[in-house]
Protein backbone atom coordinates (compact mmCIF):
# COMPACT_ATOMS: atom_id res chain seq x y z
CA MET A 1 -21.02 -35.91 11.20
CA VAL A 2 -18.36 -38.62 9.73
CA VAL A 3 -19.84 -41.06 12.79
CA HIS A 4 -23.43 -39.93 11.59
CA HIS A 5 -23.44 -40.33 8.01
CA GLY A 6 -21.12 -42.18 7.26
CA ARG A 7 -23.43 -45.36 6.80
CA ASP A 8 -25.66 -43.42 4.21
CA ASN A 9 -21.97 -43.33 1.88
CA ILE A 10 -21.72 -39.67 2.53
CA ARG A 11 -18.11 -38.44 3.51
CA VAL A 12 -17.43 -34.72 5.67
CA ASN A 13 -13.92 -33.10 5.00
CA ALA A 14 -13.00 -29.54 5.37
CA ILE A 15 -10.47 -27.36 3.36
CA THR A 16 -8.63 -24.70 4.87
CA LEU A 17 -6.74 -22.18 3.06
CA GLY A 18 -3.48 -21.04 3.39
CA HIS A 19 -2.39 -17.46 1.42
CA ILE A 20 -4.22 -17.42 -1.41
CA TYR A 21 -4.52 -14.52 -4.21
CA ALA A 22 -7.79 -13.13 -4.81
CA LEU A 23 -8.78 -9.40 -5.85
CA LEU A 24 -9.65 -9.05 -2.38
CA VAL A 25 -5.49 -8.81 -1.80
CA ASP A 26 -4.63 -6.68 -4.62
CA HIS A 27 -4.85 -3.75 -2.02
CA ILE A 28 -1.93 -5.37 0.18
CA SER A 29 1.81 -3.91 -0.33
CA ASP A 30 3.87 -6.53 -2.66
CA GLU A 31 6.11 -6.79 0.53
CA ALA A 32 2.90 -7.64 2.61
CA ARG A 33 2.58 -10.39 0.16
CA ASN A 34 5.95 -11.51 -0.40
CA LEU A 35 6.07 -12.09 3.19
CA CYS A 36 2.87 -14.26 3.63
CA ARG A 37 4.35 -16.07 0.43
CA ARG A 38 7.58 -16.82 2.19
CA ALA A 39 6.18 -18.01 5.44
CA GLY A 40 5.87 -21.09 4.05
CA PRO A 41 8.01 -23.94 2.82
CA LEU A 42 6.98 -23.87 -0.66
CA ASP A 43 7.60 -19.89 -0.97
CA THR A 44 4.66 -19.72 -3.04
CA GLU A 45 1.28 -17.95 -3.42
CA GLY A 46 -1.79 -20.42 -3.84
CA SER A 47 -4.65 -19.63 -6.25
CA ALA A 48 -8.61 -20.48 -6.69
CA TRP A 49 -7.38 -23.01 -9.10
CA ASP A 50 -5.03 -24.81 -6.43
CA VAL A 51 -8.38 -25.12 -4.26
CA ALA A 52 -10.62 -25.91 -6.65
CA TRP A 53 -8.50 -28.99 -7.64
CA VAL A 54 -8.78 -29.87 -3.64
CA ALA A 55 -12.06 -29.98 -3.77
CA LEU A 56 -12.83 -32.03 -7.05
CA PHE A 57 -10.48 -34.22 -5.59
CA LEU A 58 -12.21 -34.69 -2.35
CA ALA A 59 -15.45 -34.84 -4.30
CA SER A 60 -14.46 -37.86 -6.78
CA ASN A 61 -14.23 -41.34 -6.55
CA GLU A 62 -10.86 -40.93 -5.87
CA SER A 63 -11.11 -40.15 -2.55
CA ARG A 64 -13.72 -42.35 -1.51
CA TRP A 65 -11.28 -43.47 1.69
CA ILE A 66 -11.14 -40.50 2.78
CA SER A 67 -13.50 -39.25 4.94
CA GLY A 68 -13.43 -36.93 8.52
CA VAL A 69 -10.21 -35.01 7.64
CA VAL A 70 -9.04 -31.26 7.92
CA LEU A 71 -7.25 -30.78 4.80
CA PRO A 72 -4.72 -27.52 4.49
CA VAL A 73 -3.79 -26.08 1.13
CA ASP A 74 -1.36 -24.09 2.69
CA ALA A 75 2.17 -24.45 0.88
CA GLY A 76 3.36 -26.18 4.49
CA THR A 77 2.81 -23.08 6.04
CA LEU A 78 0.68 -25.44 8.97
CA VAL A 79 3.40 -27.37 9.52
CA ALA A 80 5.97 -24.38 9.34
CA SER A 81 7.31 -23.47 12.52
CA PRO A 82 6.63 -19.78 13.62
CA LEU A 83 10.41 -19.16 13.66
CA SER A 84 11.15 -20.17 10.63
CA ILE A 85 9.84 -16.62 9.52
CA LEU A 86 11.48 -14.55 11.90
CA PRO A 87 14.19 -13.80 9.72
CA HIS A 88 12.16 -12.50 6.65
CA LEU A 89 10.21 -9.85 9.60
CA GLN A 90 13.20 -8.42 10.52
CA GLN A 91 14.27 -7.78 7.13
CA GLU A 92 11.31 -6.42 6.13
CA ASN A 93 11.02 -4.36 9.20
CA GLN A 94 14.22 -2.63 8.71
CA GLU A 95 13.33 -2.08 4.90
CA GLY A 96 9.89 -0.15 5.93
CA ASP A 97 6.72 -0.65 7.34
CA LEU A 98 4.39 -3.92 6.07
CA CYS A 99 1.06 -2.75 6.66
CA GLU A 100 0.63 0.72 5.52
CA ASN A 101 -2.48 1.99 5.68
CA THR A 102 -3.75 1.98 1.84
CA SER A 103 -7.91 2.53 2.90
CA GLY A 104 -7.23 6.31 2.51
């Protein structure tokens, strides 16, 4: 798409999300949410506003030279080593089940 639409001054980018707080995750235990949060190097949970600011930037003229990218908005989780979460998994496993069934 970038190649076909670039000459028409149309930029094509994508945003991928990490652990974003939303009402949909309210049923997840605090332990599970903390584990997801700690999976990224920034040790934080994102919000819809974090994604909105990135989308606004990509739609603005300030990003006029950015096209053809997939931009992760994930607090660095994509580049973090899967091994970095192992100590957290082991600790949580000793404390109890992270994925308790809350569906009733």
